[in-house]
């Protein structure tokens, strides 16, 4: 899951109560559908910083809630306000993410340098999604690169 560190960094998430943050502002249907249809409480999450000097994986987290309506879609003062979304039929969802621990920055060039990760969705040319699935083999390869035990 990608986040711009100026909006929500891994340090911000760790400082939050229970190291848990709502993943607000997703306004792409495919990314929303990943949260709604594929993510379950307890699933592992790679916390990825994007739109910064050195993009990369900076933390290991887990999904901490079932999907629920993103309140920012109804807030007229929010940059994520969506006038077409109604409380009785919300268009946008979110999940809470709990950071388990911060890691060193596993940078984009480092990820690209490993053949085992060549099919990692986030590395695909033109990928702009903030949420992408990670295959079990990729998850294990990334944990190994970070010096973490397999899970």
C-alpha atoms as a PDB file:
ATOM      1  CA  UNK A   1       0.000   0.000   0.000  1.00  0.00           C
ATOM      2  CA  UNK A   2       1.494   3.299  -1.141  1.00  0.00           C
ATOM      3  CA  UNK A   3       1.357   6.486   0.867  1.00  0.00           C
ATOM      4  CA  UNK A   4       3.019   9.810   0.338  1.00  0.00           C
ATOM      5  CA  UNK A   5       5.086  10.446   3.474  1.00  0.00           C
ATOM      6  CA  UNK A   6       3.867  14.043   3.591  1.00  0.00           C
ATOM      7  CA  UNK A   7       0.305  12.696   3.943  1.00  0.00           C
ATOM      8  CA  UNK A   8       0.847   9.620   6.137  1.00  0.00           C
ATOM      9  CA  UNK A   9       4.333   8.302   6.747  1.00  0.00           C
ATOM     10  CA  UNK A  10       5.265   5.055   8.435  1.00  0.00           C
ATOM     11  CA  UNK A  11       6.389   7.190  11.392  1.00  0.00           C
ATOM     12  CA  UNK A  12       2.975   8.908  11.496  1.00  0.00           C
ATOM     13  CA  UNK A  13       1.293   5.508  11.527  1.00  0.00           C
ATOM     14  CA  UNK A  14       3.577   4.213  14.287  1.00  0.00           C
ATOM     15  CA  UNK A  15       2.780   7.313  16.383  1.00  0.00           C
ATOM     16  CA  UNK A  16      -0.987   6.806  15.988  1.00  0.00           C
ATOM     17  CA  UNK A  17      -2.958   5.001  18.705  1.00  0.00           C
ATOM     18  CA  UNK A  18      -2.285   1.257  18.366  1.00  0.00           C
ATOM     19  CA  UNK A  19       0.000   2.178  15.408  1.00  0.00           C
ATOM     20  CA  UNK A  20      -3.191   2.029  13.357  1.00  0.00           C
ATOM     21  CA  UNK A  21      -4.413   4.449  10.680  1.00  0.00           C
ATOM     22  CA  UNK A  22      -7.434   4.518   8.372  1.00  0.00           C
ATOM     23  CA  UNK A  23      -6.287   4.299   4.742  1.00  0.00           C
ATOM     24  CA  UNK A  24      -8.313   7.318   3.567  1.00  0.00           C
ATOM     25  CA  UNK A  25      -8.513   8.903   0.158  1.00  0.00           C
ATOM     26  CA  UNK A  26      -8.455   5.911  -2.187  1.00  0.00           C
ATOM     27  CA  UNK A  27     -10.293   7.156  -5.267  1.00  0.00           C
ATOM     28  CA  UNK A  28      -9.543   4.437  -7.790  1.00  0.00           C
ATOM     29  CA  UNK A  29     -12.104   1.679  -8.283  1.00  0.00           C
ATOM     30  CA  UNK A  30      -9.540  -1.086  -8.775  1.00  0.00           C
ATOM     31  CA  UNK A  31      -7.659  -0.144  -5.596  1.00  0.00           C
ATOM     32  CA  UNK A  32     -10.986   0.142  -3.719  1.00  0.00           C
ATOM     33  CA  UNK A  33     -11.958  -3.299  -4.963  1.00  0.00           C
ATOM     34  CA  UNK A  34      -8.695  -4.782  -3.662  1.00  0.00           C
ATOM     35  CA  UNK A  35      -9.607  -3.462  -0.199  1.00  0.00           C
ATOM     36  CA  UNK A  36     -13.247  -4.527  -0.454  1.00  0.00           C
ATOM     37  CA  UNK A  37     -12.846  -7.958  -2.044  1.00  0.00           C
ATOM     38  CA  UNK A  38      -9.374  -9.278  -1.302  1.00  0.00           C
ATOM     39  CA  UNK A  39      -8.112  -7.831   1.979  1.00  0.00           C
ATOM     40  CA  UNK A  40      -8.941  -9.526   5.262  1.00  0.00           C
ATOM     41  CA  UNK A  41      -8.120  -8.593   8.850  1.00  0.00           C
ATOM     42  CA  UNK A  42      -4.652  -9.925   9.640  1.00  0.00           C
ATOM     43  CA  UNK A  43      -3.376  -9.902   6.041  1.00  0.00           C
ATOM     44  CA  UNK A  44       0.168  -8.626   5.673  1.00  0.00           C
ATOM     45  CA  UNK A  45       0.802  -5.206   4.146  1.00  0.00           C
ATOM     46  CA  UNK A  46       3.969  -3.693   2.741  1.00  0.00           C
ATOM     47  CA  UNK A  47       3.933   0.005   3.677  1.00  0.00           C
ATOM     48  CA  UNK A  48       5.421   1.838   0.703  1.00  0.00           C
ATOM     49  CA  UNK A  49       6.405   5.508   0.509  1.00  0.00           C
ATOM     50  CA  UNK A  50       5.793   7.100  -2.901  1.00  0.00           C
ATOM     51  CA  UNK A  51       6.173  10.591  -4.374  1.00  0.00           C
ATOM     52  CA  UNK A  52       9.293  11.233  -2.316  1.00  0.00           C
ATOM     53  CA  UNK A  53      13.054  11.435  -2.798  1.00  0.00           C
ATOM     54  CA  UNK A  54      13.540   7.672  -2.451  1.00  0.00           C
ATOM     55  CA  UNK A  55      10.357   5.615  -2.936  1.00  0.00           C
ATOM     56  CA  UNK A  56      10.328   2.161  -1.404  1.00  0.00           C
ATOM     57  CA  UNK A  57       9.025  -0.238   1.212  1.00  0.00           C
ATOM     58  CA  UNK A  58       9.499   1.278   4.668  1.00  0.00           C
ATOM     59  CA  UNK A  59       7.414  -0.910   6.935  1.00  0.00           C
ATOM     60  CA  UNK A  60       5.533  -4.121   7.552  1.00  0.00           C
ATOM     61  CA  UNK A  61       1.915  -3.756   8.574  1.00  0.00           C
ATOM     62  CA  UNK A  62      -1.304  -5.715   8.708  1.00  0.00           C
ATOM     63  CA  UNK A  63      -4.910  -5.084   7.794  1.00  0.00           C
ATOM     64  CA  UNK A  64      -6.551  -4.131  11.095  1.00  0.00           C
ATOM     65  CA  UNK A  65     -10.211  -3.759  10.102  1.00  0.00           C
ATOM     66  CA  UNK A  66     -12.814  -4.917   7.658  1.00  0.00           C
ATOM     67  CA  UNK A  67     -13.620  -2.397   4.906  1.00  0.00           C
ATOM     68  CA  UNK A  68     -15.930   0.463   5.884  1.00  0.00           C
ATOM     69  CA  UNK A  69     -17.033   3.733   4.259  1.00  0.00           C
ATOM     70  CA  UNK A  70     -14.321   6.380   3.956  1.00  0.00           C
ATOM     71  CA  UNK A  71     -15.729   9.404   5.835  1.00  0.00           C
ATOM     72  CA  UNK A  72     -13.683  11.868   3.762  1.00  0.00           C
ATOM     73  CA  UNK A  73     -15.958  11.256   0.758  1.00  0.00           C
ATOM     74  CA  UNK A  74     -18.769  13.076   2.638  1.00  0.00           C
ATOM     75  CA  UNK A  75     -16.644  15.914   4.063  1.00  0.00           C
ATOM     76  CA  UNK A  76     -17.004  18.998   1.864  1.00  0.00           C
ATOM     77  CA  UNK A  77     -13.772  20.384   3.349  1.00  0.00           C
ATOM     78  CA  UNK A  78     -11.744  17.302   2.431  1.00  0.00           C
ATOM     79  CA  UNK A  79      -9.663  17.047  -0.745  1.00  0.00           C
ATOM     80  CA  UNK A  80     -11.245  13.574  -1.043  1.00  0.00           C
ATOM     81  CA  UNK A  81     -14.844  14.859  -1.034  1.00  0.00           C
ATOM     82  CA  UNK A  82     -17.058  13.160  -3.622  1.00  0.00           C
ATOM     83  CA  UNK A  83     -20.372  14.930  -4.193  1.00  0.00           C
ATOM     84  CA  UNK A  84     -21.719  11.897  -6.072  1.00  0.00           C
ATOM     85  CA  UNK A  85     -21.225   9.567  -3.103  1.00  0.00           C
ATOM     86  CA  UNK A  86     -24.123   9.305  -0.665  1.00  0.00           C
ATOM     87  CA  UNK A  87     -24.096   7.993   2.935  1.00  0.00           C
ATOM     88  CA  UNK A  88     -26.808   5.457   2.100  1.00  0.00           C
ATOM     89  CA  UNK A  89     -24.735   4.200  -0.830  1.00  0.00           C
ATOM     90  CA  UNK A  90     -21.054   5.038  -0.254  1.00  0.00           C
ATOM     91  CA  UNK A  91     -18.764   4.791  -3.242  1.00  0.00           C
ATOM     92  CA  UNK A  92     -15.437   4.720  -1.381  1.00  0.00           C
ATOM     93  CA  UNK A  93     -14.188   2.374   1.314  1.00  0.00           C
ATOM     94  CA  UNK A  94     -11.128   2.097   3.487  1.00  0.00           C
ATOM     95  CA  UNK A  95      -9.453  -0.343   5.827  1.00  0.00           C
ATOM     96  CA  UNK A  96      -7.400   0.414   8.906  1.00  0.00           C
ATOM     97  CA  UNK A  97      -3.719  -0.486   8.694  1.00  0.00           C
ATOM     98  CA  UNK A  98      -1.611  -1.303  11.745  1.00  0.00           C
ATOM     99  CA  UNK A  99       2.136  -0.897  11.342  1.00  0.00           C
ATOM    100  CA  UNK A 100       3.976  -3.760  13.013  1.00  0.00           C
ATOM    101  CA  UNK A 101       7.457  -2.391  12.491  1.00  0.00           C
ATOM    102  CA  UNK A 102       9.427   0.086  10.442  1.00  0.00           C
ATOM    103  CA  UNK A 103      12.062  -1.329   8.107  1.00  0.00           C
ATOM    104  CA  UNK A 104      14.975   0.118   6.259  1.00  0.00           C
ATOM    105  CA  UNK A 105      13.937   1.654   2.959  1.00  0.00           C
ATOM    106  CA  UNK A 106      13.866  -1.167   0.417  1.00  0.00           C
ATOM    107  CA  UNK A 107      14.099   1.155  -2.572  1.00  0.00           C
ATOM    108  CA  UNK A 108      12.571   0.824  -5.995  1.00  0.00           C
ATOM    109  CA  UNK A 109      15.966   0.247  -7.688  1.00  0.00           C
ATOM    110  CA  UNK A 110      16.766  -2.461  -5.135  1.00  0.00           C
ATOM    111  CA  UNK A 111      13.404  -4.142  -5.739  1.00  0.00           C
ATOM    112  CA  UNK A 112      13.992  -4.026  -9.501  1.00  0.00           C
ATOM    113  CA  UNK A 113      17.447  -5.587  -9.091  1.00  0.00           C
ATOM    114  CA  UNK A 114      16.035  -8.886  -7.829  1.00  0.00           C
ATOM    115  CA  UNK A 115      14.888 -11.404 -10.448  1.00  0.00           C
ATOM    116  CA  UNK A 116      12.495 -13.013  -7.959  1.00  0.00           C
ATOM    117  CA  UNK A 117      10.514  -9.752  -7.941  1.00  0.00           C
ATOM    118  CA  UNK A 118      10.362  -9.108 -11.685  1.00  0.00           C
ATOM    119  CA  UNK A 119       6.585  -9.698 -11.744  1.00  0.00           C
ATOM    120  CA  UNK A 120       5.806  -7.641  -8.631  1.00  0.00           C
ATOM    121  CA  UNK A 121       2.803  -5.494  -9.615  1.00  0.00           C
ATOM    122  CA  UNK A 122       4.198  -2.262  -8.165  1.00  0.00           C
ATOM    123  CA  UNK A 123       7.213  -2.607 -10.493  1.00  0.00           C
ATOM    124  CA  UNK A 124       5.152  -2.819 -13.683  1.00  0.00           C
ATOM    125  CA  UNK A 125       5.638   0.033 -16.105  1.00  0.00           C
ATOM    126  CA  UNK A 126       2.786   2.515 -15.890  1.00  0.00           C
ATOM    127  CA  UNK A 127       1.436   1.190 -12.579  1.00  0.00           C
ATOM    128  CA  UNK A 128      -0.139   4.078 -10.690  1.00  0.00           C
ATOM    129  CA  UNK A 129      -2.333   2.176  -8.233  1.00  0.00           C
ATOM    130  CA  UNK A 130      -1.892   2.978  -4.558  1.00  0.00           C
ATOM    131  CA  UNK A 131      -2.885  -0.562  -3.568  1.00  0.00           C
ATOM    132  CA  UNK A 132      -1.643  -3.643  -5.381  1.00  0.00           C
ATOM    133  CA  UNK A 133      -1.674  -7.325  -4.490  1.00  0.00           C
ATOM    134  CA  UNK A 134       1.555  -9.083  -3.518  1.00  0.00           C
ATOM    135  CA  UNK A 135       1.980 -12.755  -4.390  1.00  0.00           C
ATOM    136  CA  UNK A 136       3.156 -15.058  -1.560  1.00  0.00           C
ATOM    137  CA  UNK A 137       6.504 -15.716  -3.314  1.00  0.00           C
ATOM    138  CA  UNK A 138       7.095 -11.961  -3.628  1.00  0.00           C
ATOM    139  CA  UNK A 139       6.160 -11.426   0.036  1.00  0.00           C
ATOM    140  CA  UNK A 140       8.688 -14.061   1.124  1.00  0.00           C
ATOM    141  CA  UNK A 141      11.413 -12.629  -1.155  1.00  0.00           C
ATOM    142  CA  UNK A 142      10.850  -9.136   0.248  1.00  0.00           C
ATOM    143  CA  UNK A 143      10.949 -10.374   3.846  1.00  0.00           C
ATOM    144  CA  UNK A 144      14.246 -12.116   3.039  1.00  0.00           C
ATOM    145  CA  UNK A 145      15.673  -8.899   1.552  1.00  0.00           C
ATOM    146  CA  UNK A 146      14.656  -7.078   4.736  1.00  0.00           C
ATOM    147  CA  UNK A 147      16.223  -9.767   6.933  1.00  0.00           C
ATOM    148  CA  UNK A 148      12.851 -10.713   8.417  1.00  0.00           C
ATOM    149  CA  UNK A 149      11.716 -14.256   9.182  1.00  0.00           C
ATOM    150  CA  UNK A 150       9.401 -15.895   6.651  1.00  0.00           C
ATOM    151  CA  UNK A 151       5.725 -15.755   7.478  1.00  0.00           C
END
